[in-house]
Amino acid sequence: MPNRDKLLILYSRLYEVYGPQHWWPAETAFEVMVGAVLTQNTAWTNVEKAIANLKDAGKLALKPMARMTDRRLARLIRPSGYFNLKAQRLKALCAWLQESGGVGKLRKIPTERLRPALLAVHGVGPETADSILLYAFDRPVFVIDAYTRRLLKRLNFSEGNEPYEVLRSGFESALEPDPAMFNEFHALIVRHAKVKCQNTRVCRHCLVERPVK
């Protein structure tokens, strides 16, 4: 893993090129959690359509969603893809939240206990759990996704095939435990991944990916 200085150089480049991202776009912690499940294996534009359906139906809250049938929930989130599977996962998340006493009580649980509890929920893997921890609970947990792996490999910061936990702990040990900075850093990486190289003197893509010494 790269050291602190290299990661901070990368962060500075990303921020200078793209500016603040104001991510995650959600009104409540529960909406963040729902979005983290829905974004699995799909583009965010599809998630937005599913979220809009839930809002229009008055179901983007814990109790209304928990009371819905899997079939109706699947129909509402259809734009996100894998809708039957994701409906089951959302219902499992709702059940866990209710059994745990809701978001308010979960906020009081330390990260070292909350993360394993999230990972025990059906359909919640490391990337989804860490997205929820960072964006819904403001915990200093770094999210490792395919975009992050690709950029690290491109800059020769990593081999690209390291286990998830190795990369996550690498970021967290190199940087100060700052949820706001982790939030911005990850959001900037995602933004960068969506910008195509223009191969020009002022190409934003190239400005970020020039070698880091």
C-alpha atoms as a PDB file:
ATOM      1  CA  MET A   1       0.000   0.000   0.000  1.00  0.00           C
ATOM      2  CA  PRO A   2       1.153   3.579  -0.619  1.00  0.00           C
ATOM      3  CA  ASN A   3       2.285   5.670   2.290  1.00  0.00           C
ATOM      4  CA  ARG A   4       0.494   8.650   3.757  1.00  0.00           C
ATOM      5  CA  ASP A   5       2.257  11.203   1.571  1.00  0.00           C
ATOM      6  CA  LYS A   6       1.322   9.502  -1.698  1.00  0.00           C
ATOM      7  CA  LEU A   7      -2.300   9.106  -0.671  1.00  0.00           C
ATOM      8  CA  LEU A   8      -2.498  12.770   0.313  1.00  0.00           C
ATOM      9  CA  ILE A   9      -0.998  13.794  -3.036  1.00  0.00           C
ATOM     10  CA  LEU A  10      -3.642  11.721  -4.801  1.00  0.00           C
ATOM     11  CA  TYR A  11      -6.388  13.241  -2.672  1.00  0.00           C
ATOM     12  CA  SER A  12      -5.132  16.759  -3.366  1.00  0.00           C
ATOM     13  CA  ARG A  13      -5.069  16.132  -7.100  1.00  0.00           C
ATOM     14  CA  LEU A  14      -8.578  14.723  -7.119  1.00  0.00           C
ATOM     15  CA  TYR A  15      -9.959  17.582  -5.050  1.00  0.00           C
ATOM     16  CA  GLU A  16      -8.220  20.228  -7.148  1.00  0.00           C
ATOM     17  CA  VAL A  17      -9.496  18.734 -10.403  1.00  0.00           C
ATOM     18  CA  TYR A  18     -13.073  17.836  -9.413  1.00  0.00           C
ATOM     19  CA  GLY A  19     -13.903  19.859  -6.300  1.00  0.00           C
ATOM     20  CA  PRO A  20     -16.212  18.758  -3.441  1.00  0.00           C
ATOM     21  CA  GLN A  21     -18.674  16.009  -4.344  1.00  0.00           C
ATOM     22  CA  HIS A  22     -21.353  16.347  -1.616  1.00  0.00           C
ATOM     23  CA  TRP A  23     -21.830  12.576  -1.517  1.00  0.00           C
ATOM     24  CA  TRP A  24     -23.907  10.512  -0.431  1.00  0.00           C
ATOM     25  CA  PRO A  25     -27.062  12.062  -1.951  1.00  0.00           C
ATOM     26  CA  ALA A  26     -29.679  11.079   0.637  1.00  0.00           C
ATOM     27  CA  GLU A  27     -32.005  12.737   3.118  1.00  0.00           C
ATOM     28  CA  THR A  28     -31.736  10.138   5.909  1.00  0.00           C
ATOM     29  CA  ALA A  29     -29.378   7.452   7.165  1.00  0.00           C
ATOM     30  CA  PHE A  30     -31.971   4.843   6.201  1.00  0.00           C
ATOM     31  CA  GLU A  31     -31.981   6.135   2.625  1.00  0.00           C
ATOM     32  CA  VAL A  32     -28.183   5.763   2.547  1.00  0.00           C
ATOM     33  CA  MET A  33     -28.525   2.147   3.664  1.00  0.00           C
ATOM     34  CA  VAL A  34     -31.148   1.390   1.039  1.00  0.00           C
ATOM     35  CA  GLY A  35     -28.984   3.002  -1.630  1.00  0.00           C
ATOM     36  CA  ALA A  36     -25.957   0.988  -0.524  1.00  0.00           C
ATOM     37  CA  VAL A  37     -27.888  -2.234  -1.148  1.00  0.00           C
ATOM     38  CA  LEU A  38     -29.472  -1.088  -4.386  1.00  0.00           C
ATOM     39  CA  THR A  39     -26.191   0.069  -5.908  1.00  0.00           C
ATOM     40  CA  GLN A  40     -24.766  -3.452  -5.847  1.00  0.00           C
ATOM     41  CA  ASN A  41     -23.944  -4.457  -9.450  1.00  0.00           C
ATOM     42  CA  THR A  42     -25.665  -1.475 -11.060  1.00  0.00           C
ATOM     43  CA  ALA A  43     -25.135   2.153 -12.019  1.00  0.00           C
ATOM     44  CA  TRP A  44     -26.221   4.928  -9.667  1.00  0.00           C
ATOM     45  CA  THR A  45     -28.641   6.301 -12.269  1.00  0.00           C
ATOM     46  CA  ASN A  46     -30.629   3.083 -11.909  1.00  0.00           C
ATOM     47  CA  VAL A  47     -30.564   3.396  -8.124  1.00  0.00           C
ATOM     48  CA  GLU A  48     -31.973   6.917  -8.377  1.00  0.00           C
ATOM     49  CA  LYS A  49     -34.962   5.594 -10.326  1.00  0.00           C
ATOM     50  CA  ALA A  50     -35.610   2.914  -7.704  1.00  0.00           C
ATOM     51  CA  ILE A  51     -35.251   5.431  -4.860  1.00  0.00           C
ATOM     52  CA  ALA A  52     -37.696   7.749  -6.624  1.00  0.00           C
ATOM     53  CA  ASN A  53     -40.214   4.891  -6.893  1.00  0.00           C
ATOM     54  CA  LEU A  54     -39.910   4.195  -3.173  1.00  0.00           C
ATOM     55  CA  LYS A  55     -40.358   7.863  -2.308  1.00  0.00           C
ATOM     56  CA  ASP A  56     -43.371   8.242  -4.571  1.00  0.00           C
ATOM     57  CA  ALA A  57     -44.964   5.204  -2.931  1.00  0.00           C
ATOM     58  CA  GLY A  58     -44.223   6.510   0.562  1.00  0.00           C
ATOM     59  CA  LYS A  59     -42.082   3.456   1.337  1.00  0.00           C
ATOM     60  CA  LEU A  60     -38.631   4.951   1.862  1.00  0.00           C
ATOM     61  CA  ALA A  61     -38.742   4.526   5.644  1.00  0.00           C
ATOM     62  CA  LEU A  62     -38.067   1.588   7.919  1.00  0.00           C
ATOM     63  CA  LYS A  63     -41.578   0.662   9.070  1.00  0.00           C
ATOM     64  CA  PRO A  64     -43.355   1.021   5.706  1.00  0.00           C
ATOM     65  CA  MET A  65     -40.652  -0.950   3.914  1.00  0.00           C
ATOM     66  CA  ALA A  66     -40.605  -3.673   6.555  1.00  0.00           C
ATOM     67  CA  ARG A  67     -44.369  -4.138   6.206  1.00  0.00           C
ATOM     68  CA  MET A  68     -44.299  -4.493   2.434  1.00  0.00           C
ATOM     69  CA  THR A  69     -44.365  -7.836   0.700  1.00  0.00           C
ATOM     70  CA  ASP A  70     -41.185  -8.879  -1.073  1.00  0.00           C
ATOM     71  CA  ARG A  71     -43.113  -8.897  -4.324  1.00  0.00           C
ATOM     72  CA  ARG A  72     -44.245  -5.285  -4.079  1.00  0.00           C
ATOM     73  CA  LEU A  73     -40.850  -4.111  -2.914  1.00  0.00           C
ATOM     74  CA  ALA A  74     -39.209  -5.893  -5.840  1.00  0.00           C
ATOM     75  CA  ARG A  75     -41.600  -4.168  -8.233  1.00  0.00           C
ATOM     76  CA  LEU A  76     -40.709  -0.730  -6.857  1.00  0.00           C
ATOM     77  CA  ILE A  77     -36.954  -1.285  -7.037  1.00  0.00           C
ATOM     78  CA  ARG A  78     -37.034  -2.987 -10.435  1.00  0.00           C
ATOM     79  CA  PRO A  79     -34.876  -0.285 -12.139  1.00  0.00           C
ATOM     80  CA  SER A  80     -31.916  -1.234  -9.929  1.00  0.00           C
ATOM     81  CA  GLY A  81     -31.662  -4.741 -11.394  1.00  0.00           C
ATOM     82  CA  TYR A  82     -31.584  -8.069  -9.542  1.00  0.00           C
ATOM     83  CA  PHE A  83     -34.743  -6.706  -7.929  1.00  0.00           C
ATOM     84  CA  ASN A  84     -36.007  -9.949  -6.373  1.00  0.00           C
ATOM     85  CA  LEU A  85     -32.657 -10.591  -4.698  1.00  0.00           C
ATOM     86  CA  LYS A  86     -32.295  -6.983  -3.571  1.00  0.00           C
ATOM     87  CA  ALA A  87     -35.824  -6.993  -2.165  1.00  0.00           C
ATOM     88  CA  GLN A  88     -34.857  -9.928   0.057  1.00  0.00           C
ATOM     89  CA  ARG A  89     -31.706  -8.131   1.126  1.00  0.00           C
ATOM     90  CA  LEU A  90     -33.575  -4.941   1.953  1.00  0.00           C
ATOM     91  CA  LYS A  91     -36.101  -6.846   4.018  1.00  0.00           C
ATOM     92  CA  ALA A  92     -33.252  -8.552   5.888  1.00  0.00           C
ATOM     93  CA  LEU A  93     -31.701  -5.141   6.544  1.00  0.00           C
ATOM     94  CA  CYS A  94     -35.037  -3.819   7.809  1.00  0.00           C
ATOM     95  CA  ALA A  95     -35.447  -6.795  10.134  1.00  0.00           C
ATOM     96  CA  TRP A  96     -31.959  -6.239  11.544  1.00  0.00           C
ATOM     97  CA  LEU A  97     -32.594  -2.544  12.077  1.00  0.00           C
ATOM     98  CA  GLN A  98     -35.836  -3.249  13.918  1.00  0.00           C
ATOM     99  CA  GLU A  99     -34.269  -5.957  16.076  1.00  0.00           C
ATOM    100  CA  SER A 100     -31.381  -3.596  16.894  1.00  0.00           C
ATOM    101  CA  GLY A 101     -33.634  -0.748  17.972  1.00  0.00           C
ATOM    102  CA  GLY A 102     -33.180   1.488  14.930  1.00  0.00           C
ATOM    103  CA  VAL A 103     -30.546   3.883  13.690  1.00  0.00           C
ATOM    104  CA  GLY A 104     -30.504   5.927  16.908  1.00  0.00           C
ATOM    105  CA  LYS A 105     -29.408   2.997  19.067  1.00  0.00           C
ATOM    106  CA  LEU A 106     -26.961   1.723  16.464  1.00  0.00           C
ATOM    107  CA  ARG A 107     -25.180   5.096  16.474  1.00  0.00           C
ATOM    108  CA  LYS A 108     -24.077   4.375  20.038  1.00  0.00           C
ATOM    109  CA  ILE A 109     -22.360   1.097  19.119  1.00  0.00           C
ATOM    110  CA  PRO A 110     -18.586   1.326  18.487  1.00  0.00           C
ATOM    111  CA  THR A 111     -17.404   0.585  14.958  1.00  0.00           C
ATOM    112  CA  GLU A 112     -15.530  -2.556  15.946  1.00  0.00           C
ATOM    113  CA  ARG A 113     -18.866  -4.082  17.011  1.00  0.00           C
ATOM    114  CA  LEU A 114     -21.140  -2.441  14.465  1.00  0.00           C
ATOM    115  CA  ARG A 115     -19.177  -3.588  11.415  1.00  0.00           C
ATOM    116  CA  PRO A 116     -19.364  -7.332  12.225  1.00  0.00           C
ATOM    117  CA  ALA A 117     -23.061  -6.927  13.002  1.00  0.00           C
ATOM    118  CA  LEU A 118     -23.651  -5.381   9.575  1.00  0.00           C
ATOM    119  CA  LEU A 119     -21.629  -8.083   7.854  1.00  0.00           C
ATOM    120  CA  ALA A 120     -23.866 -10.696   9.476  1.00  0.00           C
ATOM    121  CA  VAL A 121     -26.932  -9.278   7.713  1.00  0.00           C
ATOM    122  CA  HIS A 122     -28.016 -11.259   4.655  1.00  0.00           C
ATOM    123  CA  GLY A 123     -26.641  -9.696   1.479  1.00  0.00           C
ATOM    124  CA  VAL A 124     -24.339  -7.175   3.178  1.00  0.00           C
ATOM    125  CA  GLY A 125     -20.738  -7.653   2.108  1.00  0.00           C
ATOM    126  CA  PRO A 126     -17.677  -5.587   3.071  1.00  0.00           C
ATOM    127  CA  GLU A 127     -18.192  -2.833   0.476  1.00  0.00           C
ATOM    128  CA  THR A 128     -21.866  -2.398   1.356  1.00  0.00           C
ATOM    129  CA  ALA A 129     -21.167  -2.511   5.094  1.00  0.00           C
ATOM    130  CA  ASP A 130     -18.402   0.057   4.848  1.00  0.00           C
ATOM    131  CA  SER A 131     -20.533   2.345   2.682  1.00  0.00           C
ATOM    132  CA  ILE A 132     -23.193   2.250   5.391  1.00  0.00           C
ATOM    133  CA  LEU A 133     -20.650   2.827   8.156  1.00  0.00           C
ATOM    134  CA  LEU A 134     -19.046   5.780   6.392  1.00  0.00           C
ATOM    135  CA  TYR A 135     -22.025   7.504   4.814  1.00  0.00           C
ATOM    136  CA  ALA A 136     -24.861   6.650   7.219  1.00  0.00           C
ATOM    137  CA  PHE A 137     -22.984   6.486  10.534  1.00  0.00           C
ATOM    138  CA  ASP A 138     -20.039   8.841   9.858  1.00  0.00           C
ATOM    139  CA  ARG A 139     -17.449   6.279  10.877  1.00  0.00           C
ATOM    140  CA  PRO A 140     -13.804   6.535   9.695  1.00  0.00           C
ATOM    141  CA  VAL A 141     -14.013   3.433   7.502  1.00  0.00           C
ATOM    142  CA  PHE A 142     -12.651   3.545   3.959  1.00  0.00           C
ATOM    143  CA  VAL A 143     -14.733   1.967   1.195  1.00  0.00           C
ATOM    144  CA  ILE A 144     -12.829  -0.158  -1.291  1.00  0.00           C
ATOM    145  CA  ASP A 145     -14.569  -0.652  -4.613  1.00  0.00           C
ATOM    146  CA  ALA A 146     -13.561  -1.573  -8.172  1.00  0.00           C
ATOM    147  CA  TYR A 147     -12.842   2.087  -8.967  1.00  0.00           C
ATOM    148  CA  THR A 148     -10.415   2.370  -6.058  1.00  0.00           C
ATOM    149  CA  ARG A 149      -8.623  -0.835  -7.027  1.00  0.00           C
ATOM    150  CA  ARG A 150      -8.290   0.330 -10.636  1.00  0.00           C
ATOM    151  CA  LEU A 151      -6.835   3.726  -9.702  1.00  0.00           C
ATOM    152  CA  LEU A 152      -4.391   2.282  -7.169  1.00  0.00           C
ATOM    153  CA  LYS A 153      -3.113  -0.199  -9.737  1.00  0.00           C
ATOM    154  CA  ARG A 154      -2.878   2.486 -12.431  1.00  0.00           C
ATOM    155  CA  LEU A 155      -0.641   4.577 -10.156  1.00  0.00           C
ATOM    156  CA  ASN A 156       1.411   1.535  -9.087  1.00  0.00           C
ATOM    157  CA  PHE A 157       0.163   1.955  -5.542  1.00  0.00           C
ATOM    158  CA  SER A 158      -0.936  -1.684  -5.412  1.00  0.00           C
ATOM    159  CA  GLU A 159      -0.960  -4.898  -7.419  1.00  0.00           C
ATOM    160  CA  GLY A 160      -4.718  -4.690  -7.833  1.00  0.00           C
ATOM    161  CA  ASN A 161      -5.532  -8.131  -6.447  1.00  0.00           C
ATOM    162  CA  GLU A 162      -5.034  -7.579  -2.726  1.00  0.00           C
ATOM    163  CA  PRO A 163      -7.767  -8.811  -0.362  1.00  0.00           C
ATOM    164  CA  TYR A 164     -10.404  -6.216   0.506  1.00  0.00           C
ATOM    165  CA  GLU A 165      -9.325  -5.984   4.139  1.00  0.00           C
ATOM    166  CA  VAL A 166      -5.692  -5.381   3.209  1.00  0.00           C
ATOM    167  CA  LEU A 167      -6.583  -2.343   1.108  1.00  0.00           C
ATOM    168  CA  ARG A 168      -9.105  -1.020   3.619  1.00  0.00           C
ATOM    169  CA  SER A 169      -6.724  -1.295   6.559  1.00  0.00           C
ATOM    170  CA  GLY A 170      -3.965   0.197   4.404  1.00  0.00           C
ATOM    171  CA  PHE A 171      -5.939   3.382   3.852  1.00  0.00           C
ATOM    172  CA  GLU A 172      -7.093   3.572   7.455  1.00  0.00           C
ATOM    173  CA  SER A 173      -3.631   3.065   8.936  1.00  0.00           C
ATOM    174  CA  ALA A 174      -1.983   5.571   6.582  1.00  0.00           C
ATOM    175  CA  LEU A 175      -4.496   8.383   7.063  1.00  0.00           C
ATOM    176  CA  GLU A 176      -5.993  10.154  10.054  1.00  0.00           C
ATOM    177  CA  PRO A 177      -9.388   8.702  11.082  1.00  0.00           C
ATOM    178  CA  ASP A 178     -11.446  11.495   9.511  1.00  0.00           C
ATOM    179  CA  PRO A 179     -14.913  10.427   8.238  1.00  0.00           C
ATOM    180  CA  ALA A 180     -15.393  13.652   6.258  1.00  0.00           C
ATOM    181  CA  MET A 181     -12.080  13.208   4.461  1.00  0.00           C
ATOM    182  CA  PHE A 182     -12.735   9.508   3.779  1.00  0.00           C
ATOM    183  CA  ASN A 183     -16.154  10.467   2.435  1.00  0.00           C
ATOM    184  CA  GLU A 184     -14.699  13.044   0.057  1.00  0.00           C
ATOM    185  CA  PHE A 185     -11.757  10.853  -0.971  1.00  0.00           C
ATOM    186  CA  HIS A 186     -13.932   7.910  -1.944  1.00  0.00           C
ATOM    187  CA  ALA A 187     -16.493  10.123  -3.694  1.00  0.00           C
ATOM    188  CA  LEU A 188     -13.717  11.768  -5.701  1.00  0.00           C
ATOM    189  CA  ILE A 189     -12.350   8.395  -6.784  1.00  0.00           C
ATOM    190  CA  VAL A 190     -15.808   7.410  -8.026  1.00  0.00           C
ATOM    191  CA  ARG A 191     -16.162  10.726  -9.869  1.00  0.00           C
ATOM    192  CA  HIS A 192     -12.746  10.284 -11.476  1.00  0.00           C
ATOM    193  CA  ALA A 193     -13.631   6.789 -12.665  1.00  0.00           C
ATOM    194  CA  LYS A 194     -16.521   8.219 -14.670  1.00  0.00           C
ATOM    195  CA  VAL A 195     -14.366  10.758 -16.531  1.00  0.00           C
ATOM    196  CA  LYS A 196     -12.821   9.516 -19.747  1.00  0.00           C
ATOM    197  CA  CYS A 197      -9.309  10.437 -20.813  1.00  0.00           C
ATOM    198  CA  GLN A 198      -9.243  13.200 -23.453  1.00  0.00           C
ATOM    199  CA  ASN A 199      -5.495  12.888 -24.097  1.00  0.00           C
ATOM    200  CA  THR A 200      -5.089  16.673 -24.132  1.00  0.00           C
ATOM    201  CA  ARG A 201      -2.840  19.063 -22.234  1.00  0.00           C
ATOM    202  CA  VAL A 202      -5.569  19.957 -19.744  1.00  0.00           C
ATOM    203  CA  CYS A 203      -7.205  16.509 -19.510  1.00  0.00           C
ATOM    204  CA  ARG A 204      -8.543  16.124 -15.969  1.00  0.00           C
ATOM    205  CA  HIS A 205      -8.103  12.366 -16.150  1.00  0.00           C
ATOM    206  CA  CYS A 206      -4.414  12.712 -16.990  1.00  0.00           C
ATOM    207  CA  LEU A 207      -3.834  15.393 -14.369  1.00  0.00           C
ATOM    208  CA  VAL A 208      -4.887  12.907 -11.701  1.00  0.00           C
ATOM    209  CA  GLU A 209      -3.136   9.854 -13.110  1.00  0.00           C
ATOM    210  CA  ARG A 210       0.287  11.324 -13.825  1.00  0.00           C
ATOM    211  CA  PRO A 211       3.013   9.467 -11.882  1.00  0.00           C
ATOM    212  CA  VAL A 212       3.295  10.079  -8.161  1.00  0.00           C
ATOM    213  CA  LYS A 213       6.880  10.103  -6.885  1.00  0.00           C
END
